[in-house]
């Protein structure tokens, strides 16, 4: 009996039990929501409840939970980065190098195991260029966003970072021709309203800091958010048609190469003067672990829901930052609007799939490249030859 990996391309979330009826298309099944009945008040109330109940499939619940996991991971990375800077360790490119290297050493050997060394080499030669573009945009997006925080204000960064959401929606439409229902756009609006409440809370509690060069920082953040939206939608497109271990492994491999060269060129002097001790190494390990979990869970969330839903889920990260701040300081008093904002974001995430369904966000048919013989195919050929 063969044991399938959690990252097996043909088993991830394809067999989710859907309680509502489905609509057959030429490519795949799309679940549909129960209709709203306006004939009478009692019929309307019952149909609304049926619609609400239809939301809570296993796939939607997992999507909601996975979204909060990645949001928590973002909060952990923000906290550890802040601590590193306070300890005279500010090397943003070097910091993310350990992330890409860990993705490379974990997922690339598994890809080689599945494809064989020859098949892996063919994949790199034929399809490596598209993963190189993905990794380049991801590395530079991370770099520009971190640099933006050094120049512009916290509130400006929070607002401009949301630009990744419409960019992601645009590229998702270009790649997969998604037709967004008005309730999905309403869900986006509600989530961004929650973000606005969080920004307002920070303003009222005077958590902002002065800008060193606001124009420069805002430009960095807009470009970085644009790259984020592009990479999220592009990675979703890739993982819907290729195994997760291939996509994440290639992102790690090319990211290690690009990030390593950039770190050596920009931060070689800073590496000599930075404080290398047990505390900073521990913070680096915590940062890398959080980012590794994020980069592993994110493509799973792309398959379960969408990259747009992933970006909306990240809007709740400031609330978790509040919890970290409260636990770190007994004198820290949370502002009441934070809790309202968090609730608004969660409501927006539910509204996003009020009419649409996670299953309808794009075709899910992951498989190895046609020119590669997977381990199971090679084993089958060996059995046939022995017979």
Protein backbone atom coordinates (compact mmCIF):
# COMPACT_ATOMS: atom_id res chain seq x y z
CA UNK A 1 0.00 0.00 0.00
CA UNK A 2 1.49 3.32 -1.07
CA UNK A 3 1.40 6.19 1.43
CA UNK A 4 0.69 9.53 -0.21
CA UNK A 5 2.51 12.66 0.92
CA UNK A 6 0.44 15.66 2.08
CA UNK A 7 1.93 17.44 -0.90
CA UNK A 8 0.85 14.77 -3.39
CA UNK A 9 -0.46 16.63 -6.39
CA UNK A 10 -3.43 14.43 -7.15
CA UNK A 11 -4.94 14.19 -3.67
CA UNK A 12 -4.94 17.73 -2.30
CA UNK A 13 -8.50 18.84 -1.69
CA UNK A 14 -9.97 17.21 -4.79
CA UNK A 15 -12.29 14.89 -2.87
CA UNK A 16 -13.93 17.47 -0.60
CA UNK A 17 -17.50 16.54 0.25
CA UNK A 18 -19.84 19.27 -0.97
CA UNK A 19 -23.33 19.26 0.48
CA UNK A 20 -24.84 21.72 -1.99
CA UNK A 21 -25.72 20.81 -5.60
CA UNK A 22 -23.09 21.12 -8.31
CA UNK A 23 -23.09 22.48 -11.81
CA UNK A 24 -21.33 20.39 -14.45
CA UNK A 25 -18.96 22.15 -16.82
CA UNK A 26 -16.69 20.77 -19.50
CA UNK A 27 -13.70 20.97 -17.15
CA UNK A 28 -14.78 20.48 -13.55
CA UNK A 29 -17.65 20.58 -11.08
CA UNK A 30 -18.61 23.91 -9.54
CA UNK A 31 -20.68 23.87 -6.35
CA UNK A 32 -23.62 26.30 -6.28
CA UNK A 33 -25.33 27.93 -3.32
CA UNK A 34 -29.02 27.36 -2.46
CA UNK A 35 -31.12 30.16 -4.00
CA UNK A 36 -32.68 32.95 -1.92
CA UNK A 37 -36.51 32.76 -1.86
CA UNK A 38 -38.22 36.18 -1.81
CA UNK A 39 -41.81 34.89 -1.99
CA UNK A 40 -42.50 35.46 1.73
CA UNK A 41 -40.67 36.56 4.86
CA UNK A 42 -40.59 33.04 6.33
CA UNK A 43 -39.35 31.60 3.02
CA UNK A 44 -36.72 34.35 2.80
CA UNK A 45 -35.51 33.71 6.35
CA UNK A 46 -35.29 29.96 5.75
CA UNK A 47 -33.47 30.35 2.43
CA UNK A 48 -30.96 32.78 3.97
CA UNK A 49 -30.26 30.27 6.73
CA UNK A 50 -29.83 27.49 4.14
CA UNK A 51 -27.41 29.70 2.23
CA UNK A 52 -25.44 30.45 5.41
CA UNK A 53 -25.36 26.76 6.37
CA UNK A 54 -24.10 25.84 2.89
CA UNK A 55 -20.99 27.98 3.48
CA UNK A 56 -19.60 25.72 6.17
CA UNK A 57 -18.16 22.92 4.13
CA UNK A 58 -14.93 21.25 5.19
CA UNK A 59 -13.09 23.10 2.46
CA UNK A 60 -14.36 26.53 3.53
CA UNK A 61 -13.61 25.91 7.21
CA UNK A 62 -10.08 24.77 6.33
CA UNK A 63 -9.67 27.87 4.14
CA UNK A 64 -10.78 30.12 6.98
CA UNK A 65 -8.39 28.42 9.44
CA UNK A 66 -5.48 28.36 6.98
CA UNK A 67 -5.99 32.07 6.35
CA UNK A 68 -5.59 32.81 10.05
CA UNK A 69 -2.52 30.56 10.25
CA UNK A 70 -0.74 32.59 7.56
CA UNK A 71 -1.93 35.80 9.26
CA UNK A 72 -0.34 34.63 12.52
CA UNK A 73 2.85 33.77 10.63
CA UNK A 74 2.99 37.31 9.21
CA UNK A 75 2.60 38.68 12.73
CA UNK A 76 5.47 36.47 13.97
CA UNK A 77 7.74 37.68 11.18
CA UNK A 78 6.93 41.33 11.97
CA UNK A 79 7.66 40.82 15.66
CA UNK A 80 10.95 38.98 15.06
CA UNK A 81 12.08 41.53 12.46
CA UNK A 82 11.39 44.39 14.89
CA UNK A 83 13.38 42.61 17.58
CA UNK A 84 16.29 42.00 15.19
CA UNK A 85 16.44 45.69 14.25
CA UNK A 86 16.40 46.66 17.94
CA UNK A 87 19.43 44.37 18.44
CA UNK A 88 21.49 46.03 15.68
CA UNK A 89 20.68 43.35 13.09
CA UNK A 90 19.09 44.98 10.02
CA UNK A 91 19.86 42.88 6.93
CA UNK A 92 16.52 42.33 5.14
CA UNK A 93 17.91 40.45 2.14
CA UNK A 94 20.18 38.23 4.21
CA UNK A 95 17.29 37.56 6.57
CA UNK A 96 15.08 36.09 3.82
CA UNK A 97 17.96 34.07 2.35
CA UNK A 98 17.48 31.45 5.08
CA UNK A 99 13.81 31.13 4.09
CA UNK A 100 14.51 30.38 0.43
CA UNK A 101 17.36 28.06 1.32
CA UNK A 102 15.11 26.04 3.66
CA UNK A 103 12.44 25.74 0.95
CA UNK A 104 15.12 24.60 -1.49
CA UNK A 105 16.67 21.91 0.73
CA UNK A 106 13.29 20.49 1.78
CA UNK A 107 11.23 20.48 -1.42
CA UNK A 108 13.82 20.12 -4.19
CA UNK A 109 15.15 16.71 -3.02
CA UNK A 110 11.54 15.48 -2.80
CA UNK A 111 10.94 16.68 -6.36
CA UNK A 112 14.04 14.80 -7.48
CA UNK A 113 12.74 11.72 -5.67
CA UNK A 114 9.41 11.94 -7.49
CA UNK A 115 10.72 12.90 -10.95
CA UNK A 116 14.13 11.25 -10.90
CA UNK A 117 17.29 13.29 -11.39
CA UNK A 118 16.89 13.27 -15.18
CA UNK A 119 13.22 14.30 -15.02
CA UNK A 120 14.01 17.06 -12.54
CA UNK A 121 16.73 18.37 -14.86
CA UNK A 122 14.30 18.36 -17.80
CA UNK A 123 11.77 20.29 -15.72
CA UNK A 124 14.37 22.92 -14.78
CA UNK A 125 15.51 23.31 -18.40
CA UNK A 126 12.00 23.54 -19.85
CA UNK A 127 10.02 25.31 -17.13
CA UNK A 128 12.69 26.87 -14.94
CA UNK A 129 12.31 30.25 -16.65
CA UNK A 130 8.79 30.80 -15.32
CA UNK A 131 9.85 29.90 -11.78
CA UNK A 132 12.83 32.26 -12.15
CA UNK A 133 10.41 35.12 -12.90
CA UNK A 134 8.21 34.11 -9.95
CA UNK A 135 11.17 33.96 -7.57
CA UNK A 136 12.62 37.27 -8.82
CA UNK A 137 9.35 39.10 -8.17
CA UNK A 138 8.95 37.44 -4.78
CA UNK A 139 12.48 38.34 -3.65
CA UNK A 140 12.20 41.95 -4.78
CA UNK A 141 8.69 42.29 -3.33
CA UNK A 142 9.97 41.20 0.09
CA UNK A 143 12.96 43.53 -0.20
CA UNK A 144 10.97 46.63 -1.24
CA UNK A 145 8.31 46.19 1.43
CA UNK A 146 10.93 45.92 4.19
CA UNK A 147 12.72 48.99 2.80
CA UNK A 148 9.43 50.92 2.67
CA UNK A 149 9.00 50.59 6.45
CA UNK A 150 12.36 52.34 6.86
CA UNK A 151 11.26 55.45 4.94
CA UNK A 152 7.51 56.02 5.26
CA UNK A 153 4.99 55.89 8.11
CA UNK A 154 3.42 52.77 9.59
CA UNK A 155 -0.11 53.87 8.65
CA UNK A 156 0.93 54.57 5.07
CA UNK A 157 2.51 51.11 4.81
CA UNK A 158 -0.63 49.44 6.17
CA UNK A 159 -2.89 51.21 3.68
CA UNK A 160 -0.66 50.87 0.62
CA UNK A 161 0.04 47.19 1.33
CA UNK A 162 -3.66 46.54 0.61
CA UNK A 163 -2.91 47.47 -3.03
CA UNK A 164 -1.83 43.83 -3.42
CA UNK A 165 -5.51 42.78 -3.26
CA UNK A 166 -6.78 44.47 -6.48
CA UNK A 167 -3.54 43.51 -8.25
CA UNK A 168 -4.08 39.88 -7.26
CA UNK A 169 -7.71 40.00 -8.42
CA UNK A 170 -6.60 41.42 -11.78
CA UNK A 171 -3.95 38.79 -12.46
CA UNK A 172 -6.25 36.01 -11.25
CA UNK A 173 -8.74 37.15 -13.87
CA UNK A 174 -6.03 37.27 -16.54
CA UNK A 175 -4.80 33.75 -15.71
CA UNK A 176 -8.04 31.94 -14.89
CA UNK A 177 -10.80 34.22 -16.24
CA UNK A 178 -12.52 34.31 -12.86
CA UNK A 179 -15.84 36.13 -12.93
CA UNK A 180 -16.19 37.89 -9.60
CA UNK A 181 -19.70 38.09 -8.17
CA UNK A 182 -20.76 41.38 -6.62
CA UNK A 183 -20.86 39.69 -3.21
CA UNK A 184 -17.16 38.85 -3.57
CA UNK A 185 -16.40 42.51 -4.26
CA UNK A 186 -18.56 43.38 -1.25
CA UNK A 187 -16.49 40.96 0.85
CA UNK A 188 -13.30 42.70 -0.35
CA UNK A 189 -14.81 46.09 0.60
CA UNK A 190 -15.82 44.86 4.05
CA UNK A 191 -12.34 43.40 4.70
CA UNK A 192 -10.68 46.66 3.64
CA UNK A 193 -13.12 48.51 5.92
CA UNK A 194 -11.77 46.38 8.76
CA UNK A 195 -8.26 47.41 7.73
CA UNK A 196 -9.34 51.07 7.79
CA UNK A 197 -10.57 50.57 11.37
CA UNK A 198 -7.20 49.09 12.33
CA UNK A 199 -5.41 52.07 10.77
CA UNK A 200 -7.79 54.41 12.57
CA UNK A 201 -7.07 52.62 15.84
CA UNK A 202 -3.34 53.07 15.36
CA UNK A 203 -3.87 56.75 14.59
CA UNK A 204 -6.07 57.33 17.65
CA UNK A 205 -3.60 55.53 19.94
CA UNK A 206 -0.66 57.42 18.37
CA UNK A 207 1.27 54.31 17.29
CA UNK A 208 2.63 55.93 14.13
CA UNK A 209 6.20 57.16 13.72
CA UNK A 210 7.64 60.04 11.63
CA UNK A 211 8.59 59.42 8.02
CA UNK A 212 12.21 59.68 6.89
CA UNK A 213 11.26 60.09 3.22
CA UNK A 214 7.54 59.49 2.74
CA UNK A 215 7.48 59.75 -1.07
CA UNK A 216 10.32 57.26 -1.47
CA UNK A 217 8.83 54.86 1.07
CA UNK A 218 5.36 55.02 -0.48
CA UNK A 219 6.79 54.23 -3.92
CA UNK A 220 8.68 51.26 -2.47
CA UNK A 221 5.49 49.98 -0.82
CA UNK A 222 3.32 50.39 -3.95
CA UNK A 223 5.85 48.55 -6.13
CA UNK A 224 6.35 45.88 -3.47
CA UNK A 225 2.58 45.38 -3.05
CA UNK A 226 2.20 45.14 -6.83
CA UNK A 227 4.85 42.41 -6.93
CA UNK A 228 3.11 40.64 -4.03
CA UNK A 229 -0.22 40.62 -5.86
CA UNK A 230 1.44 39.36 -9.05
CA UNK A 231 3.41 36.58 -7.34
CA UNK A 232 0.39 35.39 -5.31
CA UNK A 233 -1.84 35.09 -8.39
CA UNK A 234 0.97 33.56 -10.47
CA UNK A 235 1.80 30.97 -7.83
CA UNK A 236 -1.89 30.07 -7.55
CA UNK A 237 -1.99 29.53 -11.32
CA UNK A 238 1.07 27.27 -11.09
CA UNK A 239 -0.08 25.14 -8.12
CA UNK A 240 -3.47 24.54 -9.73
CA UNK A 241 -1.76 22.69 -12.58
CA UNK A 242 1.53 21.43 -11.08
CA UNK A 243 2.55 19.54 -7.90
CA UNK A 244 3.13 21.71 -4.86
CA UNK A 245 6.59 20.29 -4.24
CA UNK A 246 7.67 21.27 -7.76
CA UNK A 247 6.43 24.87 -7.47
CA UNK A 248 7.67 25.52 -3.92
CA UNK A 249 10.97 23.74 -4.57
CA UNK A 250 11.65 25.83 -7.65
CA UNK A 251 10.67 29.02 -5.82
CA UNK A 252 13.18 28.07 -3.13
CA UNK A 253 15.95 27.16 -5.56
CA UNK A 254 15.77 30.30 -7.69
CA UNK A 255 15.02 32.45 -4.64
CA UNK A 256 18.19 31.17 -2.93
CA UNK A 257 20.28 32.04 -6.00
CA UNK A 258 18.77 35.50 -6.56
CA UNK A 259 18.57 36.41 -2.89
CA UNK A 260 22.12 35.19 -2.22
CA UNK A 261 23.60 37.30 -5.01
CA UNK A 262 21.64 40.36 -3.88
CA UNK A 263 22.63 39.92 -0.24
CA UNK A 264 26.29 39.54 -1.17
CA UNK A 265 26.14 42.68 -3.28
CA UNK A 266 24.15 44.95 -0.97
CA UNK A 267 24.80 43.72 2.55
CA UNK A 268 28.31 42.26 2.66
CA UNK A 269 29.56 45.16 4.83
CA UNK A 270 26.53 44.96 7.13
CA UNK A 271 27.16 41.25 7.71
CA UNK A 272 30.49 42.15 9.31
CA UNK A 273 29.11 44.81 11.66
CA UNK A 274 25.81 43.12 12.60
CA UNK A 275 25.45 41.58 16.07
CA UNK A 276 25.74 37.80 15.70
CA UNK A 277 24.89 36.15 19.02
CA UNK A 278 22.54 33.58 20.51
CA UNK A 279 19.60 35.99 20.69
CA UNK A 280 19.81 37.12 17.06
CA UNK A 281 20.30 33.56 15.83
CA UNK A 282 17.24 32.46 17.80
CA UNK A 283 15.19 35.29 16.29
CA UNK A 284 16.41 34.33 12.81
CA UNK A 285 15.34 30.73 13.43
CA UNK A 286 11.90 31.91 14.58
CA UNK A 287 11.56 34.20 11.55
CA UNK A 288 12.61 31.46 9.13
CA UNK A 289 10.26 28.91 10.73
CA UNK A 290 7.31 31.31 10.52
CA UNK A 291 8.04 32.13 6.88
CA UNK A 292 8.55 28.46 6.04
CA UNK A 293 5.11 27.64 7.44
CA UNK A 294 3.60 30.57 5.55
CA UNK A 295 5.18 29.57 2.23
CA UNK A 296 3.98 25.98 2.75
CA UNK A 297 0.41 26.79 3.81
CA UNK A 298 -0.13 29.61 1.28
CA UNK A 299 -0.18 27.38 -1.86
CA UNK A 300 -2.52 24.97 -0.05
CA UNK A 301 -4.82 27.94 0.60
CA UNK A 302 -4.55 28.94 -3.07
CA UNK A 303 -5.91 25.51 -3.97
CA UNK A 304 -8.61 25.44 -1.31
CA UNK A 305 -9.84 28.97 -1.97
CA UNK A 306 -7.77 31.49 -3.96
CA UNK A 307 -4.82 33.84 -3.76
CA UNK A 308 -7.24 36.77 -3.36
CA UNK A 309 -8.71 35.08 -0.28
CA UNK A 310 -5.17 34.64 1.03
CA UNK A 311 -4.51 38.37 0.75
CA UNK A 312 -7.79 39.23 2.45
CA UNK A 313 -6.96 36.85 5.31
CA UNK A 314 -3.68 38.70 5.95
CA UNK A 315 -5.62 41.84 6.91
CA UNK A 316 -6.29 40.32 10.33
CA UNK A 317 -2.55 40.16 11.14
CA UNK A 318 -2.58 43.54 12.92
CA UNK A 319 -5.06 42.18 15.45
CA UNK A 320 -2.66 39.35 16.29
CA UNK A 321 0.07 41.96 16.56
CA UNK A 322 -2.08 43.59 19.23
CA UNK A 323 -2.19 40.30 21.17
CA UNK A 324 1.60 39.99 20.94
CA UNK A 325 1.97 43.54 22.22
CA UNK A 326 -0.39 42.93 25.10
CA UNK A 327 1.39 39.74 26.18
CA UNK A 328 4.80 41.42 25.95
CA UNK A 329 3.84 44.39 28.12
CA UNK A 330 1.53 44.46 31.12
CA UNK A 331 1.08 48.22 30.59
CA UNK A 332 -0.23 47.80 27.04
CA UNK A 333 -3.98 48.46 26.88
CA UNK A 334 -5.79 47.32 23.70
CA UNK A 335 -8.06 49.86 22.00
CA UNK A 336 -11.66 48.61 21.67
CA UNK A 337 -11.80 49.33 17.92
CA UNK A 338 -9.21 46.60 17.28
CA UNK A 339 -11.70 43.89 18.25
CA UNK A 340 -14.43 45.40 16.06
CA UNK A 341 -12.00 45.62 13.12
CA UNK A 342 -11.01 41.96 13.51
CA UNK A 343 -14.68 40.93 13.51
CA UNK A 344 -15.33 43.02 10.39
CA UNK A 345 -12.45 41.30 8.55
CA UNK A 346 -13.80 37.84 9.45
CA UNK A 347 -17.30 38.86 8.30
CA UNK A 348 -15.78 40.06 5.02
CA UNK A 349 -14.08 36.69 4.54
CA UNK A 350 -17.45 34.95 4.99
CA UNK A 351 -19.24 37.36 2.62
CA UNK A 352 -16.58 36.69 -0.03
CA UNK A 353 -18.00 33.18 -0.51
CA UNK A 354 -21.67 34.06 0.17
CA UNK A 355 -22.58 33.38 -3.46
CA UNK A 356 -19.33 32.09 -4.96
CA UNK A 357 -17.72 28.91 -3.64
CA UNK A 358 -14.08 27.96 -3.03
CA UNK A 359 -14.46 25.20 -5.64
CA UNK A 360 -15.46 27.72 -8.30
CA UNK A 361 -12.34 29.86 -8.10
CA UNK A 362 -10.43 27.95 -10.76
CA UNK A 363 -9.77 24.57 -12.28
CA UNK A 364 -7.73 22.27 -10.04
CA UNK A 365 -5.88 19.62 -12.02
CA UNK A 366 -2.31 19.34 -10.68
CA UNK A 367 -0.04 16.85 -12.42
CA UNK A 368 3.59 16.33 -13.25
CA UNK A 369 4.85 17.61 -16.63
CA UNK A 370 3.96 15.30 -19.52
CA UNK A 371 7.64 14.85 -20.43
CA UNK A 372 8.51 13.58 -16.90
CA UNK A 373 8.00 10.04 -15.65
CA UNK A 374 7.07 10.12 -11.98
CA UNK A 375 8.21 7.55 -9.43
CA UNK A 376 4.94 5.62 -9.65
CA UNK A 377 5.11 5.55 -13.45
CA UNK A 378 8.71 4.33 -13.36
CA UNK A 379 7.75 1.64 -10.84
CA UNK A 380 4.85 0.53 -13.06
CA UNK A 381 7.16 0.26 -16.08
CA UNK A 382 9.60 -1.83 -14.04
CA UNK A 383 6.80 -4.19 -13.01
CA UNK A 384 5.66 -4.54 -16.60
CA UNK A 385 9.21 -5.38 -17.71
CA UNK A 386 9.55 -8.01 -15.00
CA UNK A 387 6.22 -9.54 -16.01
